[in-house]
Amino acid sequence: MRDSLEPVAEVDSSNADAGKTRKRPRPGERRLQILQVLAEMLQNPKGERVTTAALAAKIQVSEAALYRHFASKAQMFEGLISFIEQTVFGLINQINQKEESGLAQARSILQMLLFFAEKNPGMTRVLLGDALLQEDDRLQERISQVLDRVEASLKQALRIAQSQGGSWAQINQDEVSIRAALLMSFVLGRWHRFARSGFKRLPTEASDISLRILLSE
């Protein structure tokens, strides 16, 4: 997990002097801790649904305490989706600024998507939507919008490659769209295999060779 979702440290009060109480989290820390623990619980290979009761027990607070920070469980998932969105598109922007080649942009974006899932198994279940199946329908719509934006970023990278000459200059606009969808399908397939294997089959396995084939002309 990235630093913004690091677990919140609590003061160990087991040996504290009488009258001392556990240090209260600073404003915002408990909210981040809830998201961190929710993401960790989603890493369960069995893919079981996370309830607010189980989440509260894991954090050792009451369910009422959770709802002081989030109006609903759907809002907690929205927090995870926002984290995914900010992280992924922040990295895509960095890639686009660093790489002039359209093909290099596409390759780096694909590698980043695979690596992000590998390092964040719980987030992978959110990206795939299976963690959202019994939740608010708008969450599925929100994650679909995120994935559509990612595909649009891949399409833009391929359009740059098309404009830079070489063999890609012969590809028409319709084929660019088809190839972007194909690349997104590859990523989703790797994510699905990762989740289906109980997070054992890594998304980045032999990814260099796979991407070389997919981005060749």
Protein backbone atom coordinates (compact mmCIF):
# COMPACT_ATOMS: atom_id res chain seq x y z
CA MET A 1 0.00 0.00 0.00
CA ARG A 2 1.11 3.56 -0.58
CA ASP A 3 2.02 5.85 2.33
CA SER A 4 -1.33 7.64 2.28
CA LEU A 5 -3.02 4.45 3.42
CA GLU A 6 -0.40 3.29 5.88
CA PRO A 7 -1.82 1.84 9.12
CA VAL A 8 -2.22 4.36 11.93
CA ALA A 9 0.11 3.73 14.85
CA GLU A 10 -1.54 3.49 18.23
CA VAL A 11 0.16 3.97 21.59
CA ASP A 12 0.46 0.70 23.51
CA SER A 13 -1.33 1.34 26.79
CA SER A 14 -0.96 -2.16 28.24
CA ASN A 15 1.80 -1.02 30.60
CA ALA A 16 0.80 2.62 30.88
CA ASP A 17 0.53 4.32 34.23
CA ALA A 18 -2.86 4.54 35.85
CA GLY A 19 -4.94 7.35 34.47
CA LYS A 20 -3.28 7.29 31.05
CA THR A 21 -5.45 6.39 28.06
CA ARG A 22 -4.72 5.34 24.50
CA LYS A 23 -3.64 8.24 22.34
CA ARG A 24 -6.48 9.43 20.15
CA PRO A 25 -5.83 9.41 16.39
CA ARG A 26 -5.28 12.83 14.88
CA PRO A 27 -8.04 14.19 12.59
CA GLY A 28 -8.14 12.12 9.42
CA GLU A 29 -5.98 9.29 10.77
CA ARG A 30 -8.90 7.07 11.76
CA ARG A 31 -10.46 7.58 8.33
CA LEU A 32 -7.24 6.44 6.66
CA GLN A 33 -6.96 3.52 9.05
CA ILE A 34 -10.48 2.35 8.13
CA LEU A 35 -9.59 2.40 4.42
CA GLN A 36 -6.29 0.62 5.08
CA VAL A 37 -7.95 -2.19 7.04
CA LEU A 38 -10.79 -2.50 4.51
CA ALA A 39 -8.21 -2.92 1.71
CA GLU A 40 -6.35 -5.52 3.77
CA MET A 41 -9.53 -7.50 4.45
CA LEU A 42 -10.30 -7.54 0.71
CA GLN A 43 -7.07 -9.49 0.25
CA ASN A 44 -8.78 -12.60 1.63
CA PRO A 45 -8.18 -15.25 -1.08
CA LYS A 46 -11.70 -16.61 -0.49
CA GLY A 47 -13.16 -13.34 -1.69
CA GLU A 48 -15.66 -13.14 1.16
CA ARG A 49 -17.78 -10.01 1.53
CA VAL A 50 -16.48 -7.58 4.16
CA THR A 51 -19.15 -6.48 6.64
CA THR A 52 -18.99 -3.35 8.74
CA ALA A 53 -19.21 -5.53 11.85
CA ALA A 54 -16.08 -7.47 10.83
CA LEU A 55 -14.32 -4.26 9.84
CA ALA A 56 -15.13 -2.62 13.17
CA ALA A 57 -13.95 -5.71 15.07
CA LYS A 58 -10.68 -5.73 13.12
CA ILE A 59 -10.01 -2.11 14.05
CA GLN A 60 -11.32 -2.67 17.59
CA VAL A 61 -13.93 0.06 17.44
CA SER A 62 -17.72 0.05 17.36
CA GLU A 63 -19.69 0.14 14.12
CA ALA A 64 -21.01 3.53 15.28
CA ALA A 65 -17.41 4.75 15.33
CA LEU A 66 -17.03 3.78 11.67
CA TYR A 67 -20.09 5.81 10.75
CA ARG A 68 -18.65 8.88 12.42
CA HIS A 69 -16.07 8.91 9.61
CA PHE A 70 -18.10 7.46 6.72
CA ALA A 71 -21.83 7.86 6.20
CA SER A 72 -22.09 4.34 4.75
CA LYS A 73 -20.02 1.37 3.63
CA ALA A 74 -20.51 2.58 0.06
CA GLN A 75 -18.69 5.76 1.04
CA MET A 76 -15.79 3.64 2.34
CA PHE A 77 -15.53 1.92 -1.04
CA GLU A 78 -15.72 5.31 -2.73
CA GLY A 79 -12.69 6.26 -0.66
CA LEU A 80 -10.79 3.24 -2.03
CA ILE A 81 -11.85 4.06 -5.59
CA SER A 82 -10.70 7.65 -5.12
CA PHE A 83 -7.33 6.37 -3.93
CA ILE A 84 -7.04 4.11 -6.98
CA GLU A 85 -8.05 6.92 -9.32
CA GLN A 86 -5.65 9.48 -7.87
CA THR A 87 -2.75 7.03 -7.77
CA VAL A 88 -3.21 5.50 -11.22
CA PHE A 89 -3.77 8.75 -13.08
CA GLY A 90 -1.02 10.48 -11.14
CA LEU A 91 1.35 7.77 -12.36
CA ILE A 92 -0.01 7.96 -15.91
CA ASN A 93 0.68 11.70 -15.94
CA GLN A 94 4.26 11.04 -14.76
CA ILE A 95 4.74 8.46 -17.51
CA ASN A 96 3.42 10.80 -20.20
CA GLN A 97 5.73 13.57 -19.05
CA LYS A 98 8.75 11.27 -18.99
CA GLU A 99 8.22 9.29 -22.20
CA GLU A 100 8.07 10.98 -25.62
CA SER A 101 7.45 7.76 -27.53
CA GLY A 102 3.80 6.75 -27.72
CA LEU A 103 4.71 3.06 -27.60
CA ALA A 104 6.90 3.65 -24.56
CA GLN A 105 3.99 5.43 -22.88
CA ALA A 106 1.63 2.55 -23.60
CA ARG A 107 4.15 -0.06 -22.40
CA SER A 108 4.86 1.85 -19.17
CA ILE A 109 1.16 2.39 -18.45
CA LEU A 110 0.46 -1.33 -18.89
CA GLN A 111 3.38 -2.33 -16.67
CA MET A 112 2.23 0.16 -14.03
CA LEU A 113 -1.31 -1.27 -14.03
CA LEU A 114 0.01 -4.80 -13.55
CA PHE A 115 2.44 -3.74 -10.83
CA PHE A 116 -0.21 -1.68 -8.99
CA ALA A 117 -2.49 -4.73 -8.76
CA GLU A 118 0.38 -6.97 -7.67
CA LYS A 119 1.25 -4.64 -4.80
CA ASN A 120 -2.39 -3.99 -3.84
CA PRO A 121 -4.34 -7.28 -4.00
CA GLY A 122 -7.35 -5.84 -2.18
CA MET A 123 -7.53 -2.97 -4.65
CA THR A 124 -7.50 -5.53 -7.48
CA ARG A 125 -10.84 -6.87 -6.26
CA VAL A 126 -12.19 -3.32 -6.34
CA LEU A 127 -10.83 -2.73 -9.86
CA LEU A 128 -12.46 -5.96 -11.04
CA GLY A 129 -15.74 -5.03 -9.35
CA ASP A 130 -16.18 -8.34 -7.55
CA ALA A 131 -15.73 -6.65 -4.15
CA LEU A 132 -18.59 -4.31 -5.13
CA LEU A 133 -21.13 -6.91 -6.29
CA GLN A 134 -23.39 -6.70 -3.25
CA GLU A 135 -22.80 -3.00 -2.65
CA ASP A 136 -24.37 0.16 -4.07
CA ASP A 137 -24.79 0.00 -7.87
CA ARG A 138 -23.17 3.39 -8.31
CA LEU A 139 -19.85 1.92 -7.17
CA GLN A 140 -19.80 -0.38 -10.22
CA GLU A 141 -20.50 2.64 -12.42
CA ARG A 142 -17.70 4.59 -10.75
CA ILE A 143 -15.06 1.89 -11.23
CA SER A 144 -16.24 1.38 -14.84
CA GLN A 145 -15.60 5.07 -15.44
CA VAL A 146 -12.09 4.74 -14.02
CA LEU A 147 -11.34 1.81 -16.35
CA ASP A 148 -12.77 3.69 -19.32
CA ARG A 149 -10.41 6.57 -18.56
CA VAL A 150 -7.47 4.17 -18.39
CA GLU A 151 -8.40 2.75 -21.80
CA ALA A 152 -8.66 6.29 -23.15
CA SER A 153 -5.11 6.95 -21.89
CA LEU A 154 -3.87 3.86 -23.73
CA LYS A 155 -5.69 4.97 -26.88
CA GLN A 156 -4.03 8.39 -26.65
CA ALA A 157 -0.60 6.77 -26.32
CA LEU A 158 -1.25 4.66 -29.42
CA ARG A 159 -2.40 7.74 -31.34
CA ILE A 160 0.91 9.40 -30.47
CA ALA A 161 2.72 6.28 -31.74
CA GLN A 162 0.67 6.50 -34.92
CA SER A 163 1.72 10.12 -35.44
CA GLN A 164 5.39 9.34 -34.89
CA GLY A 165 5.77 7.38 -38.10
CA GLY A 166 7.16 3.92 -38.62
CA SER A 167 4.92 0.90 -39.02
CA TRP A 168 2.29 2.36 -36.66
CA ALA A 169 1.65 5.20 -39.10
CA GLN A 170 -0.21 2.70 -41.30
CA ILE A 171 -2.78 1.93 -38.59
CA ASN A 172 -6.15 3.69 -38.96
CA GLN A 173 -8.15 5.29 -36.15
CA ASP A 174 -10.57 2.37 -35.82
CA GLU A 175 -7.70 -0.05 -35.36
CA VAL A 176 -6.14 2.20 -32.73
CA SER A 177 -9.37 1.95 -30.71
CA ILE A 178 -9.49 -1.83 -31.17
CA ARG A 179 -5.88 -2.20 -30.06
CA ALA A 180 -6.45 -0.05 -26.97
CA ALA A 181 -9.43 -2.24 -26.02
CA LEU A 182 -7.31 -5.35 -26.61
CA LEU A 183 -4.57 -4.03 -24.31
CA MET A 184 -7.14 -3.24 -21.62
CA SER A 185 -8.55 -6.77 -21.96
CA PHE A 186 -5.05 -8.15 -21.42
CA VAL A 187 -4.71 -6.17 -18.18
CA LEU A 188 -8.14 -7.24 -16.94
CA GLY A 189 -7.30 -10.85 -17.77
CA ARG A 190 -4.11 -10.67 -15.72
CA TRP A 191 -6.00 -9.10 -12.83
CA HIS A 192 -8.68 -11.82 -12.98
CA ARG A 193 -6.08 -14.59 -13.01
CA PHE A 194 -4.33 -12.96 -10.04
CA ALA A 195 -7.54 -12.83 -8.00
CA ARG A 196 -8.75 -16.28 -9.10
CA SER A 197 -5.45 -17.85 -8.02
CA GLY A 198 -5.79 -16.45 -4.52
CA PHE A 199 -3.23 -13.79 -5.46
CA LYS A 200 -0.56 -16.37 -6.29
CA ARG A 201 -0.28 -15.94 -10.09
CA LEU A 202 1.40 -12.56 -10.30
CA PRO A 203 0.11 -10.11 -12.93
CA THR A 204 3.66 -9.17 -13.93
CA GLU A 205 4.63 -12.78 -14.73
CA ALA A 206 6.36 -12.77 -18.15
CA SER A 207 4.78 -9.37 -18.79
CA ASP A 208 7.77 -8.04 -20.77
CA ILE A 209 7.37 -10.75 -23.41
CA SER A 210 3.58 -10.40 -23.48
CA LEU A 211 3.74 -6.64 -23.97
CA ARG A 212 6.38 -6.96 -26.64
CA ILE A 213 4.02 -9.18 -28.62
CA LEU A 214 0.96 -7.01 -28.01
CA LEU A 215 2.69 -3.76 -28.98
CA SER A 216 4.49 -5.16 -32.01
CA GLU A 217 3.33 -4.38 -35.52
